N, C-alpha and C. Protein backbone atom coordinates (compact mmCIF):
# COMPACT_ATOMS: atom_id res chain seq x y z
N UNK A 1 11.55 -15.18 7.51
CA UNK A 1 10.80 -14.71 8.66
C UNK A 1 11.73 -13.95 9.60
N UNK A 2 11.31 -12.76 10.01
CA UNK A 2 12.08 -11.94 10.93
C UNK A 2 11.67 -12.27 12.35
N UNK A 3 12.65 -12.51 13.21
CA UNK A 3 12.38 -12.80 14.62
C UNK A 3 12.80 -11.58 15.43
N UNK A 4 11.87 -11.07 16.24
CA UNK A 4 12.16 -9.92 17.09
C UNK A 4 12.42 -10.39 18.51
N UNK A 5 13.46 -9.85 19.12
CA UNK A 5 13.71 -10.14 20.53
C UNK A 5 12.67 -9.45 21.38
N UNK A 6 12.20 -10.14 22.39
CA UNK A 6 11.24 -9.55 23.33
C UNK A 6 11.99 -8.56 24.21
N UNK A 7 11.49 -7.33 24.27
CA UNK A 7 12.17 -6.28 25.02
C UNK A 7 11.48 -5.93 26.33
N UNK A 8 10.28 -6.47 26.55
CA UNK A 8 9.52 -6.06 27.74
C UNK A 8 10.10 -6.58 29.05
N UNK A 9 10.76 -7.68 29.05
CA UNK A 9 11.44 -8.22 30.24
C UNK A 9 10.56 -8.21 31.48
N UNK A 10 9.47 -8.95 31.44
CA UNK A 10 8.61 -9.09 32.60
C UNK A 10 7.53 -8.04 32.73
N UNK A 11 7.49 -7.07 31.84
CA UNK A 11 6.45 -6.04 31.86
C UNK A 11 5.33 -6.48 30.93
N UNK A 12 4.10 -6.44 31.42
CA UNK A 12 2.95 -6.84 30.60
C UNK A 12 2.77 -5.88 29.43
N UNK A 13 2.31 -6.39 28.27
CA UNK A 13 2.09 -5.51 27.13
C UNK A 13 1.07 -4.41 27.42
N UNK A 14 0.05 -4.73 28.21
CA UNK A 14 -0.95 -3.74 28.63
C UNK A 14 -0.91 -3.69 30.15
N UNK A 15 -0.59 -2.53 30.72
CA UNK A 15 -0.56 -2.43 32.18
C UNK A 15 -1.94 -2.64 32.79
N UNK A 16 -1.97 -2.89 34.09
CA UNK A 16 -3.25 -3.12 34.78
C UNK A 16 -4.20 -1.94 34.64
N UNK A 17 -3.68 -0.73 34.63
CA UNK A 17 -4.52 0.47 34.50
C UNK A 17 -3.98 1.32 33.34
N UNK A 18 -4.24 0.90 32.09
CA UNK A 18 -3.66 1.61 30.95
C UNK A 18 -4.12 3.06 30.83
N UNK A 19 -5.32 3.38 31.29
CA UNK A 19 -5.81 4.75 31.18
C UNK A 19 -5.01 5.72 32.04
N UNK A 20 -4.33 5.21 33.05
CA UNK A 20 -3.51 6.06 33.91
C UNK A 20 -2.32 6.65 33.13
N UNK A 21 -1.98 6.05 32.01
CA UNK A 21 -0.87 6.53 31.18
C UNK A 21 -1.31 7.56 30.14
N UNK A 22 -2.62 7.79 30.02
CA UNK A 22 -3.15 8.63 28.96
C UNK A 22 -3.68 9.95 29.50
N UNK A 23 -3.69 10.97 28.63
CA UNK A 23 -4.30 12.24 29.02
C UNK A 23 -5.80 12.18 28.71
N UNK A 24 -6.51 13.24 29.03
CA UNK A 24 -7.97 13.26 28.90
C UNK A 24 -8.44 13.02 27.45
N UNK A 25 -7.79 13.66 26.49
CA UNK A 25 -8.17 13.49 25.08
C UNK A 25 -7.93 12.04 24.63
N UNK A 26 -6.83 11.46 25.06
CA UNK A 26 -6.52 10.08 24.69
C UNK A 26 -7.50 9.10 25.33
N UNK A 27 -7.87 9.36 26.58
CA UNK A 27 -8.84 8.49 27.26
C UNK A 27 -10.17 8.52 26.51
N UNK A 28 -10.62 9.70 26.11
CA UNK A 28 -11.87 9.83 25.37
C UNK A 28 -11.82 8.98 24.10
N UNK A 29 -10.74 9.11 23.33
CA UNK A 29 -10.59 8.34 22.09
C UNK A 29 -10.53 6.85 22.37
N UNK A 30 -9.78 6.46 23.37
CA UNK A 30 -9.64 5.04 23.70
C UNK A 30 -11.00 4.43 24.05
N UNK A 31 -11.74 5.09 24.91
CA UNK A 31 -13.05 4.57 25.32
C UNK A 31 -14.02 4.53 24.14
N UNK A 32 -13.96 5.54 23.28
CA UNK A 32 -14.83 5.58 22.10
C UNK A 32 -14.49 4.44 21.14
N UNK A 33 -13.21 4.20 20.92
CA UNK A 33 -12.80 3.13 20.01
C UNK A 33 -13.16 1.76 20.58
N UNK A 34 -13.08 1.60 21.90
CA UNK A 34 -13.47 0.33 22.52
C UNK A 34 -14.94 0.04 22.28
N UNK A 35 -15.77 1.08 22.21
CA UNK A 35 -17.19 0.88 21.90
C UNK A 35 -17.37 0.32 20.49
N UNK A 36 -16.42 0.59 19.62
CA UNK A 36 -16.47 0.10 18.24
C UNK A 36 -15.70 -1.20 18.04
N UNK A 37 -15.30 -1.85 19.15
CA UNK A 37 -14.63 -3.14 19.05
C UNK A 37 -13.11 -3.10 19.04
N UNK A 38 -12.53 -1.92 19.10
CA UNK A 38 -11.07 -1.81 19.17
C UNK A 38 -10.63 -2.11 20.60
N UNK A 39 -9.37 -2.50 20.75
CA UNK A 39 -8.82 -2.71 22.09
C UNK A 39 -7.35 -2.35 22.10
N UNK A 40 -6.82 -2.14 23.30
CA UNK A 40 -5.41 -1.80 23.45
C UNK A 40 -4.59 -3.06 23.20
N UNK A 41 -3.74 -3.01 22.21
CA UNK A 41 -2.86 -4.13 21.88
C UNK A 41 -1.66 -4.13 22.82
N UNK A 42 -1.06 -2.94 22.99
CA UNK A 42 0.04 -2.79 23.95
C UNK A 42 0.29 -1.32 24.20
N UNK A 43 1.04 -1.07 25.24
CA UNK A 43 1.48 0.29 25.56
C UNK A 43 3.00 0.29 25.42
N UNK A 44 3.50 1.15 24.58
CA UNK A 44 4.95 1.30 24.46
C UNK A 44 5.38 2.28 25.54
N UNK A 45 6.24 1.80 26.43
CA UNK A 45 6.66 2.61 27.58
C UNK A 45 8.18 2.68 27.64
N UNK A 46 8.76 3.49 26.79
CA UNK A 46 10.21 3.65 26.76
C UNK A 46 10.63 4.63 27.86
N UNK A 47 11.78 4.38 28.48
CA UNK A 47 12.26 5.31 29.51
C UNK A 47 12.44 6.73 28.93
N UNK A 48 12.05 7.71 29.71
CA UNK A 48 12.21 9.13 29.39
C UNK A 48 11.39 9.59 28.18
N UNK A 49 10.39 8.78 27.76
CA UNK A 49 9.50 9.17 26.68
C UNK A 49 8.06 8.99 27.14
N UNK A 50 7.16 9.74 26.51
CA UNK A 50 5.73 9.59 26.82
C UNK A 50 5.28 8.21 26.37
N UNK A 51 4.41 7.56 27.15
CA UNK A 51 3.87 6.27 26.72
C UNK A 51 3.06 6.41 25.43
N UNK A 52 3.08 5.37 24.62
CA UNK A 52 2.32 5.35 23.37
C UNK A 52 1.31 4.21 23.48
N UNK A 53 0.04 4.54 23.29
CA UNK A 53 -1.03 3.55 23.33
C UNK A 53 -1.28 3.04 21.91
N UNK A 54 -1.08 1.74 21.71
CA UNK A 54 -1.31 1.14 20.40
C UNK A 54 -2.58 0.30 20.48
N UNK A 55 -3.52 0.62 19.60
CA UNK A 55 -4.80 -0.09 19.57
C UNK A 55 -4.92 -0.88 18.26
N UNK A 56 -5.80 -1.87 18.27
CA UNK A 56 -6.08 -2.63 17.07
C UNK A 56 -7.58 -2.88 16.98
N UNK A 57 -8.04 -3.09 15.76
CA UNK A 57 -9.46 -3.41 15.58
C UNK A 57 -9.68 -4.87 15.95
N UNK A 58 -10.95 -5.28 16.04
CA UNK A 58 -11.23 -6.63 16.52
C UNK A 58 -10.71 -7.72 15.58
N UNK A 59 -10.52 -7.42 14.30
CA UNK A 59 -9.97 -8.42 13.39
C UNK A 59 -8.44 -8.38 13.37
N UNK A 60 -7.85 -7.47 14.11
CA UNK A 60 -6.40 -7.28 14.20
C UNK A 60 -5.76 -7.04 12.84
N UNK A 61 -6.47 -6.33 11.96
CA UNK A 61 -5.91 -6.00 10.66
C UNK A 61 -5.36 -4.58 10.61
N UNK A 62 -5.71 -3.76 11.60
CA UNK A 62 -5.26 -2.38 11.63
C UNK A 62 -4.67 -2.05 12.99
N UNK A 63 -3.47 -1.49 12.99
CA UNK A 63 -2.87 -0.97 14.20
C UNK A 63 -2.90 0.55 14.13
N UNK A 64 -3.14 1.19 15.25
CA UNK A 64 -3.17 2.65 15.30
C UNK A 64 -2.66 3.12 16.66
N UNK A 65 -2.16 4.33 16.70
CA UNK A 65 -1.76 4.92 17.98
C UNK A 65 -2.68 6.10 18.27
N UNK A 66 -2.83 6.37 19.56
CA UNK A 66 -3.61 7.54 19.97
C UNK A 66 -2.62 8.67 20.23
N UNK A 67 -2.70 9.70 19.40
CA UNK A 67 -1.81 10.85 19.54
C UNK A 67 -2.15 11.63 20.82
N UNK A 68 -1.25 12.50 21.24
CA UNK A 68 -1.46 13.29 22.46
C UNK A 68 -2.72 14.14 22.40
N UNK A 69 -3.13 14.55 21.19
CA UNK A 69 -4.34 15.37 21.05
C UNK A 69 -5.61 14.54 20.94
N UNK A 70 -5.48 13.20 21.05
CA UNK A 70 -6.63 12.30 20.98
C UNK A 70 -6.91 11.75 19.60
N UNK A 71 -6.17 12.20 18.59
CA UNK A 71 -6.37 11.71 17.22
C UNK A 71 -5.92 10.26 17.11
N UNK A 72 -6.76 9.42 16.50
CA UNK A 72 -6.40 8.03 16.26
C UNK A 72 -5.64 7.96 14.94
N UNK A 73 -4.35 7.73 15.02
CA UNK A 73 -3.47 7.72 13.85
C UNK A 73 -3.33 6.29 13.33
N UNK A 74 -3.99 6.00 12.22
CA UNK A 74 -3.95 4.67 11.63
C UNK A 74 -2.73 4.46 10.73
N UNK A 75 -1.94 5.51 10.56
CA UNK A 75 -0.69 5.42 9.78
C UNK A 75 0.44 6.06 10.58
N UNK A 76 0.76 5.47 11.73
CA UNK A 76 1.78 6.09 12.59
C UNK A 76 3.16 6.03 11.94
N UNK A 77 4.00 7.00 12.29
CA UNK A 77 5.35 7.04 11.75
C UNK A 77 6.37 6.43 12.71
N UNK A 78 5.90 5.52 13.54
CA UNK A 78 6.81 4.78 14.43
C UNK A 78 6.86 3.34 13.96
N UNK A 79 8.00 2.68 14.13
CA UNK A 79 8.08 1.29 13.69
C UNK A 79 7.22 0.38 14.56
N UNK A 80 6.38 -0.40 13.92
CA UNK A 80 5.53 -1.36 14.60
C UNK A 80 5.63 -2.70 13.89
N UNK A 81 5.52 -3.76 14.66
CA UNK A 81 5.43 -5.08 14.05
C UNK A 81 4.04 -5.23 13.45
N UNK A 82 3.82 -6.23 12.64
CA UNK A 82 2.49 -6.43 12.06
C UNK A 82 1.50 -6.78 13.15
N UNK A 83 0.21 -6.56 12.90
CA UNK A 83 -0.83 -6.79 13.90
C UNK A 83 -0.91 -8.24 14.32
N UNK A 84 -0.46 -9.15 13.47
CA UNK A 84 -0.54 -10.57 13.81
C UNK A 84 0.53 -11.06 14.74
N UNK A 85 1.54 -10.23 15.04
CA UNK A 85 2.66 -10.66 15.90
C UNK A 85 2.41 -10.35 17.35
């Protein structure tokens, strides 16, 4: 079993106003996916980089990111832990 160190250091996985971190196309996709039972799992907020919104389906079997153009990428090329973690 791989143990990952927690890097958030007091920062919530989902900010109080996650839509404030997204552009118009991303907000549209996020709201549409929430209608289908998806929810924001966490927001990756690295210094000097654009925030990344990571969503999961209600069964938490699929993780996806919302690209800057609003596309829901179910096979992102960024390292992610499994949906169950």
